[in-house]
Amino acid sequence: MLNFVGAALGIALGLWVAAKRGGNRLDLLHYATIFGIVGFIIGAFAMLVIPAPG
């Protein structure tokens, strides 16, 4: 589940960074994709490190 949270946060961060830099729609898509993939991978590693509740 943390991988999807990381992907969503990465997409949001990528959109924000691209908009702040004045990018067009293709830049927004590119930044969102790359940041989303990185966020997904970080979330996957976090699931290995953080123990499950309960």
N, C-alpha and C. Protein backbone atom coordinates (compact mmCIF):
# COMPACT_ATOMS: atom_id res chain seq x y z
N MET A 1 0.82 -1.19 0.00
CA MET A 1 0.00 0.00 0.00
C MET A 1 0.87 1.26 0.00
N LEU A 2 2.00 1.20 0.67
CA LEU A 2 2.86 2.38 0.70
C LEU A 2 3.41 2.71 -0.68
N ASN A 3 3.52 1.71 -1.55
CA ASN A 3 4.02 2.00 -2.89
C ASN A 3 3.03 2.86 -3.67
N PHE A 4 1.73 2.63 -3.48
CA PHE A 4 0.74 3.47 -4.16
C PHE A 4 0.69 4.87 -3.57
N VAL A 5 0.88 4.98 -2.28
CA VAL A 5 0.94 6.30 -1.64
C VAL A 5 2.17 7.05 -2.16
N GLY A 6 3.29 6.36 -2.24
CA GLY A 6 4.51 6.97 -2.78
C GLY A 6 4.35 7.40 -4.22
N ALA A 7 3.67 6.59 -5.02
CA ALA A 7 3.43 6.94 -6.42
C ALA A 7 2.54 8.18 -6.53
N ALA A 8 1.49 8.23 -5.72
CA ALA A 8 0.59 9.38 -5.75
C ALA A 8 1.30 10.66 -5.31
N LEU A 9 2.10 10.56 -4.26
CA LEU A 9 2.86 11.73 -3.81
C LEU A 9 3.91 12.13 -4.85
N GLY A 10 4.51 11.15 -5.49
CA GLY A 10 5.49 11.45 -6.53
C GLY A 10 4.86 12.14 -7.73
N ILE A 11 3.68 11.69 -8.12
CA ILE A 11 2.98 12.33 -9.24
C ILE A 11 2.63 13.77 -8.88
N ALA A 12 2.12 13.97 -7.67
CA ALA A 12 1.77 15.33 -7.24
C ALA A 12 3.01 16.22 -7.19
N LEU A 13 4.11 15.69 -6.67
CA LEU A 13 5.35 16.46 -6.60
C LEU A 13 5.88 16.76 -8.00
N GLY A 14 5.80 15.79 -8.89
CA GLY A 14 6.25 16.01 -10.26
C GLY A 14 5.44 17.07 -10.98
N LEU A 15 4.12 17.05 -10.80
CA LEU A 15 3.28 18.08 -11.41
C LEU A 15 3.61 19.46 -10.85
N TRP A 16 3.83 19.52 -9.54
CA TRP A 16 4.14 20.80 -8.91
C TRP A 16 5.48 21.35 -9.40
N VAL A 17 6.49 20.48 -9.47
CA VAL A 17 7.83 20.92 -9.91
C VAL A 17 7.78 21.40 -11.36
N ALA A 18 7.09 20.64 -12.22
CA ALA A 18 7.03 21.03 -13.63
C ALA A 18 6.25 22.33 -13.81
N ALA A 19 5.18 22.51 -13.06
CA ALA A 19 4.41 23.75 -13.17
C ALA A 19 5.22 24.93 -12.65
N LYS A 20 5.98 24.71 -11.60
CA LYS A 20 6.80 25.79 -11.03
C LYS A 20 7.90 26.21 -12.01
N ARG A 21 8.40 25.25 -12.80
CA ARG A 21 9.44 25.56 -13.78
C ARG A 21 8.87 26.11 -15.08
N GLY A 22 7.54 26.19 -15.18
CA GLY A 22 6.90 26.77 -16.37
C GLY A 22 6.84 25.81 -17.54
N GLY A 23 6.66 24.53 -17.26
CA GLY A 23 6.64 23.54 -18.33
C GLY A 23 5.30 23.46 -19.03
N ASN A 24 5.32 22.90 -20.24
CA ASN A 24 4.08 22.67 -20.98
C ASN A 24 3.46 21.34 -20.55
N ARG A 25 2.43 20.92 -21.26
CA ARG A 25 1.73 19.68 -20.85
C ARG A 25 2.62 18.46 -20.95
N LEU A 26 3.48 18.41 -21.94
CA LEU A 26 4.38 17.27 -22.08
C LEU A 26 5.39 17.22 -20.94
N ASP A 27 5.86 18.39 -20.52
CA ASP A 27 6.76 18.45 -19.36
C ASP A 27 6.04 17.98 -18.10
N LEU A 28 4.79 18.41 -17.93
CA LEU A 28 4.01 17.97 -16.77
C LEU A 28 3.89 16.44 -16.75
N LEU A 29 3.60 15.86 -17.91
CA LEU A 29 3.46 14.40 -18.00
C LEU A 29 4.79 13.71 -17.70
N HIS A 30 5.88 14.24 -18.24
CA HIS A 30 7.18 13.62 -18.04
C HIS A 30 7.61 13.67 -16.57
N TYR A 31 7.51 14.83 -15.96
CA TYR A 31 7.89 14.96 -14.55
C TYR A 31 7.01 14.09 -13.66
N ALA A 32 5.69 14.08 -13.93
CA ALA A 32 4.78 13.27 -13.12
C ALA A 32 5.10 11.79 -13.25
N THR A 33 5.45 11.34 -14.45
CA THR A 33 5.77 9.93 -14.67
C THR A 33 7.04 9.54 -13.93
N ILE A 34 8.09 10.32 -14.10
CA ILE A 34 9.36 9.99 -13.47
C ILE A 34 9.26 10.04 -11.95
N PHE A 35 8.67 11.12 -11.43
CA PHE A 35 8.54 11.24 -9.98
C PHE A 35 7.61 10.16 -9.43
N GLY A 36 6.58 9.78 -10.19
CA GLY A 36 5.68 8.70 -9.77
C GLY A 36 6.39 7.36 -9.67
N ILE A 37 7.24 7.07 -10.65
CA ILE A 37 8.01 5.82 -10.62
C ILE A 37 8.97 5.80 -9.45
N VAL A 38 9.66 6.92 -9.24
CA VAL A 38 10.60 7.00 -8.11
C VAL A 38 9.85 6.86 -6.79
N GLY A 39 8.70 7.52 -6.66
CA GLY A 39 7.90 7.41 -5.45
C GLY A 39 7.41 5.99 -5.22
N PHE A 40 7.03 5.30 -6.30
CA PHE A 40 6.59 3.92 -6.19
C PHE A 40 7.71 3.03 -5.66
N ILE A 41 8.91 3.22 -6.18
CA ILE A 41 10.05 2.41 -5.75
C ILE A 41 10.42 2.71 -4.30
N ILE A 42 10.42 3.99 -3.93
CA ILE A 42 10.71 4.34 -2.53
C ILE A 42 9.65 3.74 -1.61
N GLY A 43 8.38 3.78 -2.02
CA GLY A 43 7.32 3.18 -1.22
C GLY A 43 7.47 1.67 -1.09
N ALA A 44 7.93 1.02 -2.16
CA ALA A 44 8.14 -0.42 -2.10
C ALA A 44 9.25 -0.77 -1.11
N PHE A 45 10.33 0.00 -1.13
CA PHE A 45 11.40 -0.24 -0.16
C PHE A 45 10.95 0.08 1.25
N ALA A 46 10.11 1.08 1.41
CA ALA A 46 9.60 1.43 2.74
C ALA A 46 8.75 0.30 3.29
N MET A 47 8.01 -0.40 2.43
CA MET A 47 7.21 -1.54 2.91
C MET A 47 8.09 -2.66 3.42
N LEU A 48 9.31 -2.77 2.90
CA LEU A 48 10.22 -3.79 3.39
C LEU A 48 10.83 -3.42 4.75
N VAL A 49 10.95 -2.13 4.99
CA VAL A 49 11.62 -1.65 6.19
C VAL A 49 10.66 -1.46 7.35
N ILE A 50 9.49 -0.87 7.07
CA ILE A 50 8.51 -0.56 8.12
C ILE A 50 7.66 -1.80 8.39
N PRO A 51 7.59 -2.25 9.62
CA PRO A 51 6.79 -3.44 9.92
C PRO A 51 5.29 -3.17 9.79
N ALA A 52 4.54 -4.18 9.47
CA ALA A 52 3.09 -4.05 9.32
C ALA A 52 2.45 -3.87 10.71
N PRO A 53 1.41 -3.07 10.79
CA PRO A 53 0.75 -2.88 12.09
C PRO A 53 -0.01 -4.13 12.52
N GLY A 54 -0.10 -4.31 13.80
CA GLY A 54 -0.89 -5.43 14.31
C GLY A 54 -0.07 -6.55 14.66
